[in-house]
C-alpha atoms as a PDB file:
ATOM      1  CA  MET A   1      36.189  45.339 117.192  1.00  0.00           C
ATOM      2  CA  SER A   2      37.739  43.059 114.554  1.00  0.00           C
ATOM      3  CA  ALA A   3      36.351  42.965 111.035  1.00  0.00           C
ATOM      4  CA  VAL A   4      34.446  39.877 109.939  1.00  0.00           C
ATOM      5  CA  PRO A   5      36.415  38.121 107.187  1.00  0.00           C
ATOM      6  CA  ASP A   6      34.759  38.012 103.762  1.00  0.00           C
ATOM      7  CA  THR A   7      34.293  34.315 102.929  1.00  0.00           C
ATOM      8  CA  SER A   8      32.073  34.815  99.893  1.00  0.00           C
ATOM      9  CA  LYS A   9      33.308  33.408  96.593  1.00  0.00           C
ATOM     10  CA  PRO A  10      34.412  35.859  93.909  1.00  0.00           C
ATOM     11  CA  ALA A  11      31.831  36.381  91.197  1.00  0.00           C
ATOM     12  CA  ALA A  12      32.384  34.305  88.090  1.00  0.00           C
ATOM     13  CA  PRO A  13      33.510  36.341  85.086  1.00  0.00           C
ATOM     14  CA  ALA A  14      30.695  37.266  82.755  1.00  0.00           C
ATOM     15  CA  ARG A  15      30.495  35.118  79.643  1.00  0.00           C
ATOM     16  CA  SER A  16      30.981  36.900  76.354  1.00  0.00           C
ATOM     17  CA  TRP A  17      28.985  34.240  74.494  1.00  0.00           C
ATOM     18  CA  LYS A  18      25.465  32.873  74.547  1.00  0.00           C
ATOM     19  CA  PRO A  19      24.537  29.242  73.805  1.00  0.00           C
ATOM     20  CA  ARG A  20      22.379  28.488  70.793  1.00  0.00           C
ATOM     21  CA  SER A  21      18.736  27.806  71.473  1.00  0.00           C
ATOM     22  CA  ARG A  22      17.228  24.475  70.454  1.00  0.00           C
ATOM     23  CA  ASP A  23      15.693  26.138  67.415  1.00  0.00           C
ATOM     24  CA  ALA A  24      19.022  27.751  66.510  1.00  0.00           C
ATOM     25  CA  ILE A  25      20.702  24.327  66.578  1.00  0.00           C
ATOM     26  CA  ALA A  26      17.946  22.967  64.317  1.00  0.00           C
ATOM     27  CA  ALA A  27      18.347  25.892  61.918  1.00  0.00           C
ATOM     28  CA  ARG A  28      22.100  25.247  61.747  1.00  0.00           C
ATOM     29  CA  VAL A  29      21.465  21.600  60.820  1.00  0.00           C
ATOM     30  CA  ALA A  30      18.960  22.663  58.161  1.00  0.00           C
ATOM     31  CA  GLN A  31      21.676  24.752  56.476  1.00  0.00           C
ATOM     32  CA  ASP A  32      23.688  21.590  55.755  1.00  0.00           C
ATOM     33  CA  ILE A  33      20.896  19.513  54.193  1.00  0.00           C
ATOM     34  CA  PRO A  34      21.206  19.684  50.392  1.00  0.00           C
ATOM     35  CA  GLU A  35      18.467  19.938  47.796  1.00  0.00           C
ATOM     36  CA  GLY A  36      16.884  16.584  46.959  1.00  0.00           C
ATOM     37  CA  ALA A  37      18.105  14.771  50.085  1.00  0.00           C
ATOM     38  CA  TYR A  38      16.115  11.990  51.758  1.00  0.00           C
ATOM     39  CA  VAL A  39      16.382  12.642  55.490  1.00  0.00           C
ATOM     40  CA  ASN A  40      15.214  10.924  58.671  1.00  0.00           C
ATOM     41  CA  LEU A  41      14.707  13.078  61.751  1.00  0.00           C
ATOM     42  CA  GLY A  42      15.087  11.172  65.013  1.00  0.00           C
ATOM     43  CA  ILE A  43      12.943  11.472  68.121  1.00  0.00           C
ATOM     44  CA  GLY A  44      13.346  14.568  70.284  1.00  0.00           C
ATOM     45  CA  LEU A  45      15.526  17.515  69.333  1.00  0.00           C
ATOM     46  CA  PRO A  46      16.020  16.478  65.658  1.00  0.00           C
ATOM     47  CA  THR A  47      12.284  16.859  64.908  1.00  0.00           C
ATOM     48  CA  LEU A  48      12.738  20.642  65.129  1.00  0.00           C
ATOM     49  CA  VAL A  49      14.774  20.594  61.906  1.00  0.00           C
ATOM     50  CA  ALA A  50      11.547  20.187  59.903  1.00  0.00           C
ATOM     51  CA  ASN A  51      10.457  23.674  60.993  1.00  0.00           C
ATOM     52  CA  HIS A  52      13.617  25.320  59.625  1.00  0.00           C
ATOM     53  CA  LEU A  53      13.942  23.891  56.114  1.00  0.00           C
ATOM     54  CA  PRO A  54      13.582  26.615  53.450  1.00  0.00           C
ATOM     55  CA  PRO A  55      10.128  26.384  51.786  1.00  0.00           C
ATOM     56  CA  GLY A  56      11.580  26.442  48.276  1.00  0.00           C
ATOM     57  CA  LYS A  57      14.099  23.668  48.944  1.00  0.00           C
ATOM     58  CA  GLU A  58      12.892  20.169  47.991  1.00  0.00           C
ATOM     59  CA  ILE A  59      13.895  17.834  50.817  1.00  0.00           C
ATOM     60  CA  PHE A  60      12.116  14.547  51.539  1.00  0.00           C
ATOM     61  CA  LEU A  61      11.619  13.911  55.255  1.00  0.00           C
ATOM     62  CA  HIS A  62      11.180  10.312  56.395  1.00  0.00           C
ATOM     63  CA  SER A  63       9.817   8.909  59.650  1.00  0.00           C
ATOM     64  CA  GLU A  64      10.534   5.323  60.663  1.00  0.00           C
ATOM     65  CA  ASN A  65       6.887   4.601  61.538  1.00  0.00           C
ATOM     66  CA  GLY A  66       6.101   4.884  57.814  1.00  0.00           C
ATOM     67  CA  ILE A  67       5.999   8.413  56.385  1.00  0.00           C
ATOM     68  CA  LEU A  68       7.814  10.000  53.473  1.00  0.00           C
ATOM     69  CA  GLY A  69       7.208  13.648  52.646  1.00  0.00           C
ATOM     70  CA  MET A  70       6.667  15.133  56.120  1.00  0.00           C
ATOM     71  CA  GLY A  71       6.284  18.869  56.438  1.00  0.00           C
ATOM     72  CA  PRO A  72       6.671  21.178  59.452  1.00  0.00           C
ATOM     73  CA  ALA A  73       4.680  20.782  62.653  1.00  0.00           C
ATOM     74  CA  PRO A  74       1.003  21.743  62.305  1.00  0.00           C
ATOM     75  CA  ALA A  75      -0.361  24.951  63.786  1.00  0.00           C
ATOM     76  CA  GLN A  76      -1.862  24.614  67.243  1.00  0.00           C
ATOM     77  CA  GLY A  77      -5.424  23.393  66.960  1.00  0.00           C
ATOM     78  CA  GLU A  78      -4.874  21.919  63.493  1.00  0.00           C
ATOM     79  CA  GLU A  79      -3.242  18.654  64.588  1.00  0.00           C
ATOM     80  CA  ASP A  80      -4.299  15.373  62.996  1.00  0.00           C
ATOM     81  CA  TRP A  81      -3.567  12.704  65.616  1.00  0.00           C
ATOM     82  CA  ASP A  82      -3.801   9.983  62.979  1.00  0.00           C
ATOM     83  CA  LEU A  83      -0.730  11.548  61.338  1.00  0.00           C
ATOM     84  CA  ILE A  84       2.211  11.402  63.735  1.00  0.00           C
ATOM     85  CA  ASN A  85       5.958  10.853  63.588  1.00  0.00           C
ATOM     86  CA  ALA A  86       7.956   8.167  65.403  1.00  0.00           C
ATOM     87  CA  GLY A  87       7.956  10.315  68.549  1.00  0.00           C
ATOM     88  CA  LYS A  88       4.133  10.433  68.534  1.00  0.00           C
ATOM     89  CA  GLN A  89       4.126  14.133  67.622  1.00  0.00           C
ATOM     90  CA  PRO A  90       1.571  15.402  65.080  1.00  0.00           C
ATOM     91  CA  VAL A  91       3.094  16.279  61.713  1.00  0.00           C
ATOM     92  CA  THR A  92       1.948  17.522  58.340  1.00  0.00           C
ATOM     93  CA  LEU A  93       2.200  15.800  54.967  1.00  0.00           C
ATOM     94  CA  LEU A  94       3.419  17.739  51.947  1.00  0.00           C
ATOM     95  CA  THR A  95       1.863  17.399  48.506  1.00  0.00           C
ATOM     96  CA  GLY A  96       3.023  14.060  47.088  1.00  0.00           C
ATOM     97  CA  GLY A  97       3.848  12.654  50.519  1.00  0.00           C
ATOM     98  CA  ALA A  98       2.890   9.117  51.504  1.00  0.00           C
ATOM     99  CA  TYR A  99       2.476   6.853  54.493  1.00  0.00           C
ATOM    100  CA  PHE A 100       2.970   3.097  54.502  1.00  0.00           C
ATOM    101  CA  HIS A 101       3.726   0.027  56.613  1.00  0.00           C
ATOM    102  CA  HIS A 102       6.633   0.407  59.016  1.00  0.00           C
ATOM    103  CA  ALA A 103       8.247  -2.757  57.574  1.00  0.00           C
ATOM    104  CA  ASP A 104       8.630  -0.908  54.262  1.00  0.00           C
ATOM    105  CA  SER A 105       9.980   2.065  56.166  1.00  0.00           C
ATOM    106  CA  PHE A 106      12.663  -0.067  57.826  1.00  0.00           C
ATOM    107  CA  ALA A 107      13.536  -1.567  54.439  1.00  0.00           C
ATOM    108  CA  MET A 108      14.272   1.982  53.265  1.00  0.00           C
ATOM    109  CA  MET A 109      16.434   2.591  56.318  1.00  0.00           C
ATOM    110  CA  ARG A 110      18.370  -0.650  56.142  1.00  0.00           C
ATOM    111  CA  GLY A 111      18.687  -0.607  52.368  1.00  0.00           C
ATOM    112  CA  GLY A 112      20.799   2.547  52.228  1.00  0.00           C
ATOM    113  CA  HIS A 113      18.066   4.719  50.708  1.00  0.00           C
ATOM    114  CA  LEU A 114      18.408   7.605  53.191  1.00  0.00           C
ATOM    115  CA  ASP A 115      21.029  10.270  52.521  1.00  0.00           C
ATOM    116  CA  ILE A 116      21.088  11.676  56.055  1.00  0.00           C
ATOM    117  CA  CYS A 117      19.688  10.836  59.459  1.00  0.00           C
ATOM    118  CA  VAL A 118      19.699  13.321  62.333  1.00  0.00           C
ATOM    119  CA  LEU A 119      19.837  11.735  65.788  1.00  0.00           C
ATOM    120  CA  GLY A 120      20.155  12.841  69.395  1.00  0.00           C
ATOM    121  CA  ALA A 121      22.968  11.490  71.569  1.00  0.00           C
ATOM    122  CA  PHE A 122      24.164  10.959  75.114  1.00  0.00           C
ATOM    123  CA  GLN A 123      27.788  10.541  73.999  1.00  0.00           C
ATOM    124  CA  VAL A 124      29.864  10.775  70.819  1.00  0.00           C
ATOM    125  CA  SER A 125      33.417   9.413  70.771  1.00  0.00           C
ATOM    126  CA  GLU A 126      36.349  10.897  68.892  1.00  0.00           C
ATOM    127  CA  LYS A 127      36.126   7.931  66.497  1.00  0.00           C
ATOM    128  CA  GLY A 128      32.501   8.717  65.686  1.00  0.00           C
ATOM    129  CA  ASP A 129      30.929   6.057  67.902  1.00  0.00           C
ATOM    130  CA  LEU A 130      27.363   6.903  68.920  1.00  0.00           C
ATOM    131  CA  ALA A 131      25.591   6.160  72.217  1.00  0.00           C
ATOM    132  CA  ASN A 132      22.038   7.481  72.240  1.00  0.00           C
ATOM    133  CA  TRP A 133      19.623   5.002  73.771  1.00  0.00           C
ATOM    134  CA  HIS A 134      20.566   3.969  77.318  1.00  0.00           C
ATOM    135  CA  THR A 135      22.271   5.553  80.319  1.00  0.00           C
ATOM    136  CA  GLY A 136      21.329   3.063  83.010  1.00  0.00           C
ATOM    137  CA  ALA A 137      18.922   5.546  84.615  1.00  0.00           C
ATOM    138  CA  PRO A 138      15.645   4.055  85.933  1.00  0.00           C
ATOM    139  CA  ASP A 139      13.588   6.049  83.414  1.00  0.00           C
ATOM    140  CA  ALA A 140      15.933   5.398  80.471  1.00  0.00           C
ATOM    141  CA  ILE A 141      14.538   4.426  77.074  1.00  0.00           C
ATOM    142  CA  PRO A 142      13.958   0.647  77.278  1.00  0.00           C
ATOM    143  CA  ALA A 143      15.285  -0.326  73.837  1.00  0.00           C
ATOM    144  CA  VAL A 144      17.402   0.996  70.984  1.00  0.00           C
ATOM    145  CA  GLY A 145      14.415   1.058  68.608  1.00  0.00           C
ATOM    146  CA  GLY A 146      15.174   2.130  65.040  1.00  0.00           C
ATOM    147  CA  ALA A 147      18.222   4.247  65.905  1.00  0.00           C
ATOM    148  CA  MET A 148      20.615   1.357  65.257  1.00  0.00           C
ATOM    149  CA  ASP A 149      19.089   0.750  61.818  1.00  0.00           C
ATOM    150  CA  LEU A 150      19.331   4.449  60.986  1.00  0.00           C
ATOM    151  CA  ALA A 151      22.897   4.800  62.254  1.00  0.00           C
ATOM    152  CA  VAL A 152      24.214   2.043  59.988  1.00  0.00           C
ATOM    153  CA  GLY A 153      21.764   2.443  57.101  1.00  0.00           C
ATOM    154  CA  ALA A 154      21.923   6.172  56.366  1.00  0.00           C
ATOM    155  CA  LYS A 155      24.723   7.427  54.142  1.00  0.00           C
ATOM    156  CA  LYS A 156      25.570  10.200  56.627  1.00  0.00           C
ATOM    157  CA  VAL A 157      24.756  10.614  60.335  1.00  0.00           C
ATOM    158  CA  PHE A 158      24.360  14.038  61.951  1.00  0.00           C
ATOM    159  CA  VAL A 159      23.973  14.372  65.723  1.00  0.00           C
ATOM    160  CA  MET A 160      22.128  17.134  67.586  1.00  0.00           C
ATOM    161  CA  MET A 161      22.744  17.458  71.325  1.00  0.00           C
ATOM    162  CA  GLU A 162      23.647  19.832  74.107  1.00  0.00           C
ATOM    163  CA  HIS A 163      27.407  20.125  74.498  1.00  0.00           C
ATOM    164  CA  LEU A 164      27.371  19.334  78.232  1.00  0.00           C
ATOM    165  CA  THR A 165      25.294  17.172  80.532  1.00  0.00           C
ATOM    166  CA  LYS A 166      23.174  18.754  83.265  1.00  0.00           C
ATOM    167  CA  GLY A 167      26.091  18.031  85.582  1.00  0.00           C
ATOM    168  CA  GLY A 168      28.471  20.012  83.367  1.00  0.00           C
ATOM    169  CA  GLU A 169      30.307  17.031  81.853  1.00  0.00           C
ATOM    170  CA  SER A 170      31.193  16.943  78.171  1.00  0.00           C
ATOM    171  CA  LYS A 171      29.224  14.594  75.928  1.00  0.00           C
ATOM    172  CA  PHE A 172      32.319  14.327  73.708  1.00  0.00           C
ATOM    173  CA  VAL A 173      34.456  11.425  74.927  1.00  0.00           C
ATOM    174  CA  ARG A 174      37.449   9.323  73.922  1.00  0.00           C
ATOM    175  CA  GLU A 175      35.378   6.167  74.310  1.00  0.00           C
ATOM    176  CA  CYS A 176      31.661   5.863  75.022  1.00  0.00           C
ATOM    177  CA  SER A 177      30.810   4.502  78.466  1.00  0.00           C
ATOM    178  CA  TYR A 178      27.165   3.918  77.520  1.00  0.00           C
ATOM    179  CA  PRO A 179      25.943   1.065  75.266  1.00  0.00           C
ATOM    180  CA  LEU A 180      26.675   1.821  71.621  1.00  0.00           C
ATOM    181  CA  THR A 181      24.117   2.514  68.938  1.00  0.00           C
ATOM    182  CA  GLY A 182      26.672   2.468  66.133  1.00  0.00           C
ATOM    183  CA  VAL A 183      30.449   2.269  65.684  1.00  0.00           C
ATOM    184  CA  GLY A 184      32.237   4.992  63.723  1.00  0.00           C
ATOM    185  CA  VAL A 185      29.007   6.299  62.212  1.00  0.00           C
ATOM    186  CA  VAL A 186      28.854  10.005  63.170  1.00  0.00           C
ATOM    187  CA  ALA A 187      30.017  12.555  60.608  1.00  0.00           C
ATOM    188  CA  ARG A 188      29.095  15.866  62.267  1.00  0.00           C
ATOM    189  CA  VAL A 189      27.758  17.036  65.635  1.00  0.00           C
ATOM    190  CA  TYR A 190      25.658  20.170  66.231  1.00  0.00           C
ATOM    191  CA  THR A 191      25.461  21.519  69.785  1.00  0.00           C
ATOM    192  CA  ASP A 192      24.388  24.655  71.606  1.00  0.00           C
ATOM    193  CA  LEU A 193      28.045  25.800  71.504  1.00  0.00           C
ATOM    194  CA  ALA A 194      29.519  24.631  68.208  1.00  0.00           C
ATOM    195  CA  THR A 195      29.457  22.503  65.086  1.00  0.00           C
ATOM    196  CA  ILE A 196      32.093  19.762  65.245  1.00  0.00           C
ATOM    197  CA  ASP A 197      33.259  17.290  62.606  1.00  0.00           C
ATOM    198  CA  ILE A 198      34.554  13.790  63.297  1.00  0.00           C
ATOM    199  CA  THR A 199      37.818  13.350  61.373  1.00  0.00           C
ATOM    200  CA  PRO A 200      40.571  10.675  61.298  1.00  0.00           C
ATOM    201  CA  GLN A 201      42.521  13.040  63.571  1.00  0.00           C
ATOM    202  CA  GLY A 202      39.643  13.415  66.055  1.00  0.00           C
ATOM    203  CA  PHE A 203      37.258  16.309  66.676  1.00  0.00           C
ATOM    204  CA  LYS A 204      37.472  19.438  64.536  1.00  0.00           C
ATOM    205  CA  ALA A 205      35.552  22.643  65.224  1.00  0.00           C
ATOM    206  CA  VAL A 206      33.677  23.871  62.141  1.00  0.00           C
ATOM    207  CA  ASP A 207      32.113  26.899  63.796  1.00  0.00           C
ATOM    208  CA  MET A 208      31.150  28.077  67.276  1.00  0.00           C
ATOM    209  CA  VAL A 209      28.834  30.603  68.876  1.00  0.00           C
ATOM    210  CA  GLU A 210      29.895  34.223  68.635  1.00  0.00           C
ATOM    211  CA  GLY A 211      32.267  35.280  71.395  1.00  0.00           C
ATOM    212  CA  LEU A 212      33.342  31.737  72.317  1.00  0.00           C
ATOM    213  CA  SER A 213      37.051  31.133  71.777  1.00  0.00           C
ATOM    214  CA  LEU A 214      38.528  27.872  70.539  1.00  0.00           C
ATOM    215  CA  GLU A 215      40.488  27.628  73.799  1.00  0.00           C
ATOM    216  CA  GLU A 216      37.322  27.873  75.900  1.00  0.00           C
ATOM    217  CA  LEU A 217      35.457  25.465  73.630  1.00  0.00           C
ATOM    218  CA  THR A 218      38.339  22.983  73.950  1.00  0.00           C
ATOM    219  CA  ARG A 219      38.245  23.313  77.745  1.00  0.00           C
ATOM    220  CA  LEU A 220      34.502  22.645  77.828  1.00  0.00           C
ATOM    221  CA  THR A 221      34.810  19.740  75.379  1.00  0.00           C
ATOM    222  CA  GLY A 222      37.571  18.169  77.448  1.00  0.00           C
ATOM    223  CA  LEU A 223      39.420  16.857  74.378  1.00  0.00           C
ATOM    224  CA  PRO A 224      41.666  18.421  71.717  1.00  0.00           C
ATOM    225  CA  LEU A 225      39.878  20.247  68.913  1.00  0.00           C
ATOM    226  CA  GLY A 226      41.240  20.962  65.469  1.00  0.00           C
ATOM    227  CA  LYS A 227      40.908  24.556  64.273  1.00  0.00           C
ATOM    228  CA  PRO A 228      38.069  25.661  61.966  1.00  0.00           C
END
């Protein structure tokens, strides 16, 4: 009796690294925000940064719907639904904080009064172009909103995103295929795998998760990476 051939696929080699959690990405961003900075946190993943800022560090968080001086998210059961950020999430207000008309808030954004904005992204190009508002999907966000104002108005733009799409494709590209939010605006990108700077020479790895090699990170990114 002949043996049945083994057609099963060989097991994939075990990874020696573990991706950062969403909170770990937010904590990494918080490390790079200096004392006294005025910072806007975009909708979605960037809002987590507020929960990881050191208590003794004076940083002024701004929300485009008209808040300056936001604190971390409130404890469950202590939410004030009249005090929300641009993503309609309940927030807290630190001592000295204020809320005001959104027209004044946009004047702050467009007038260059924000030191840093932290935004999510669908794609970031090697020239620092940002695409973060539309993918063509039926349930895609219907308009760019305030992201365009933030991208060109803030002195520095940080991006928080997962390194790969759900389909395993890199979100780092030579040229964005989605509609642009801003051209050449991104300074640094924080992902679940690495921190990457945008330089005149292209992408440069600043750091990466423990156990992940630069060669493997480059393979996953799909584009050349400068060394840390």
